[in-house]
Amino acid sequence: MTRFLHIGQEPIDPVVQSSGRPFSATAGAAITFLGIVRGEEAGQAIDGLDYEAFVPMAETQFHKLFDAIEQRWPMIESVRLIHRYGVVRAGEPSLWIELTAPHRPEAFAACQWLIDEMKQVVPIWKHVIPKPSS
């Protein structure tokens, strides 16, 4: 399984990430997920989120998750993941994932599993940036 992981402060451009890359002759599905910061958290309007990351451990944990995907869904051909840290304003993406596989059910299942598991084990924490008072 081909892997790409980047944890950084740069804005995520989903068009750039999804373009100009060839797929294998056996790939029948490319699932992408874009996690966008909502303008509210717990019913309160917010300006954004400040993501804190322990990058070396986050990288280790992501690779463990990629290992698990490879074991659970051996037909997954590639996983590419970008996660931002630092300030991410409402309406901006904080997470981009792409998985490729011969068929869509496995790609969808692996993507959903990856998102759920990363929230449990990857040391990236979000802190709310409140909306400024008017």
Protein backbone atom coordinates (compact mmCIF):
# COMPACT_ATOMS: atom_id res chain seq x y z
CA MET A 1 0.00 0.00 0.00
CA THR A 2 1.37 3.40 -0.98
CA ARG A 3 1.30 5.97 1.83
CA PHE A 4 1.63 9.72 2.07
CA LEU A 5 1.32 11.66 5.33
CA HIS A 6 1.83 15.34 6.02
CA ILE A 7 1.09 17.14 9.27
CA GLY A 8 1.76 20.85 8.91
CA GLN A 9 0.52 24.40 9.17
CA GLU A 10 0.07 25.05 5.47
CA PRO A 11 -3.47 25.56 4.12
CA ILE A 12 -4.92 22.51 2.37
CA ASP A 13 -5.94 23.00 -1.26
CA PRO A 14 -8.13 20.01 -2.14
CA VAL A 15 -8.01 20.79 -5.86
CA VAL A 16 -4.22 20.67 -5.88
CA GLN A 17 -4.20 17.47 -3.81
CA SER A 18 -6.67 15.71 -6.10
CA SER A 19 -5.23 16.73 -9.45
CA GLY A 20 -2.37 15.70 -11.65
CA ARG A 21 -1.78 12.30 -10.14
CA PRO A 22 -2.15 9.04 -12.06
CA PHE A 23 -4.07 6.13 -10.60
CA SER A 24 -3.13 2.49 -10.96
CA ALA A 25 -4.77 0.37 -13.64
CA THR A 26 -6.56 -1.60 -10.90
CA ALA A 27 -7.99 1.39 -9.01
CA GLY A 28 -11.73 1.56 -9.46
CA ALA A 29 -12.39 3.95 -6.58
CA ALA A 30 -10.72 7.04 -5.17
CA ILE A 31 -12.47 8.23 -2.04
CA THR A 32 -11.62 11.70 -0.77
CA PHE A 33 -12.72 13.31 2.46
CA LEU A 34 -12.34 16.96 3.36
CA GLY A 35 -12.80 17.93 7.00
CA ILE A 36 -13.84 21.57 7.25
CA VAL A 37 -13.93 23.67 10.43
CA ARG A 38 -17.53 24.55 11.23
CA GLY A 39 -18.52 28.02 12.38
CA GLU A 40 -19.97 26.64 15.60
CA GLU A 41 -18.93 24.29 18.35
CA ALA A 42 -21.32 22.99 21.01
CA GLY A 43 -24.01 25.39 19.77
CA GLN A 44 -21.77 28.46 20.06
CA ALA A 45 -20.51 30.54 17.15
CA ILE A 46 -16.73 30.28 16.77
CA ASP A 47 -14.07 31.97 14.67
CA GLY A 48 -12.09 28.77 14.16
CA LEU A 49 -10.00 26.12 15.86
CA ASP A 50 -6.42 26.13 17.03
CA TYR A 51 -5.07 22.61 16.51
CA GLU A 52 -2.22 21.52 18.76
CA ALA A 53 -0.20 18.51 17.63
CA PHE A 54 2.60 16.41 19.01
CA VAL A 55 3.83 15.78 15.47
CA PRO A 56 6.34 12.91 15.99
CA MET A 57 3.81 10.87 17.98
CA ALA A 58 0.98 11.83 15.60
CA GLU A 59 3.05 10.52 12.68
CA THR A 60 3.71 7.27 14.55
CA GLN A 61 0.03 6.83 15.36
CA PHE A 62 -1.07 7.57 11.79
CA HIS A 63 1.36 4.96 10.46
CA LYS A 64 -0.03 2.42 12.94
CA LEU A 65 -3.49 3.19 11.59
CA PHE A 66 -2.19 2.80 8.03
CA ASP A 67 -0.72 -0.57 9.07
CA ALA A 68 -4.12 -1.60 10.42
CA ILE A 69 -5.82 -0.55 7.17
CA GLU A 70 -3.33 -2.64 5.23
CA GLN A 71 -4.17 -5.67 7.40
CA ARG A 72 -7.94 -5.16 7.53
CA TRP A 73 -8.44 -4.06 3.91
CA PRO A 74 -5.52 -5.53 1.92
CA MET A 75 -7.12 -4.33 -1.31
CA ILE A 76 -6.55 -0.66 -0.37
CA GLU A 77 -3.88 0.51 -2.82
CA SER A 78 -3.01 3.89 -1.35
CA VAL A 79 -3.78 6.23 1.50
CA ARG A 80 -2.87 9.91 1.47
CA LEU A 81 -3.57 12.12 4.47
CA ILE A 82 -2.89 15.76 5.31
CA HIS A 83 -3.77 17.25 8.70
CA ARG A 84 -3.22 20.86 9.64
CA TYR A 85 -2.21 22.22 13.00
CA GLY A 86 -2.21 25.79 14.22
CA VAL A 87 -5.07 28.20 13.62
CA VAL A 88 -7.67 27.04 11.09
CA ARG A 89 -10.53 29.48 10.54
CA ALA A 90 -14.17 28.48 10.14
CA GLY A 91 -14.79 27.39 6.55
CA GLU A 92 -11.20 26.20 5.99
CA PRO A 93 -10.17 22.55 5.69
CA SER A 94 -8.18 20.96 8.50
CA LEU A 95 -8.07 17.40 7.12
CA TRP A 96 -7.79 15.84 3.66
CA ILE A 97 -7.82 12.10 3.04
CA GLU A 98 -7.69 10.04 -0.15
CA LEU A 99 -7.91 6.25 -0.34
CA THR A 100 -7.80 4.22 -3.54
CA ALA A 101 -8.96 0.64 -4.06
CA PRO A 102 -10.33 -1.59 -6.80
CA HIS A 103 -13.86 -1.17 -5.42
CA ARG A 104 -15.71 1.57 -3.53
CA PRO A 105 -17.14 -0.37 -0.52
CA GLU A 106 -13.68 -1.09 0.89
CA ALA A 107 -12.47 2.44 0.24
CA PHE A 108 -15.50 4.00 1.96
CA ALA A 109 -15.23 1.60 4.93
CA ALA A 110 -11.50 2.21 5.37
CA CYS A 111 -11.94 5.98 5.17
CA GLN A 112 -14.71 6.01 7.78
CA TRP A 113 -12.70 3.74 10.06
CA LEU A 114 -9.57 5.89 9.68
CA ILE A 115 -11.43 9.08 10.64
CA ASP A 116 -13.08 7.47 13.66
CA GLU A 117 -9.85 5.87 14.89
CA MET A 118 -7.65 8.92 14.38
CA LYS A 119 -9.90 10.94 16.65
CA GLN A 120 -9.25 8.36 19.38
CA VAL A 121 -5.51 7.76 19.12
CA VAL A 122 -3.72 10.55 17.24
CA PRO A 123 -2.37 13.30 19.53
CA ILE A 124 -3.94 16.28 17.79
CA TRP A 125 -6.11 18.44 19.99
CA LYS A 126 -8.45 21.25 19.02
CA HIS A 127 -9.00 24.43 20.98
CA VAL A 128 -11.93 26.69 20.14
CA ILE A 129 -11.26 30.25 19.03
CA PRO A 130 -14.36 32.14 20.16
CA LYS A 131 -16.14 34.55 17.85
CA PRO A 132 -15.12 38.11 18.81
CA SER A 133 -17.79 40.07 20.62
CA SER A 134 -19.38 42.80 18.54
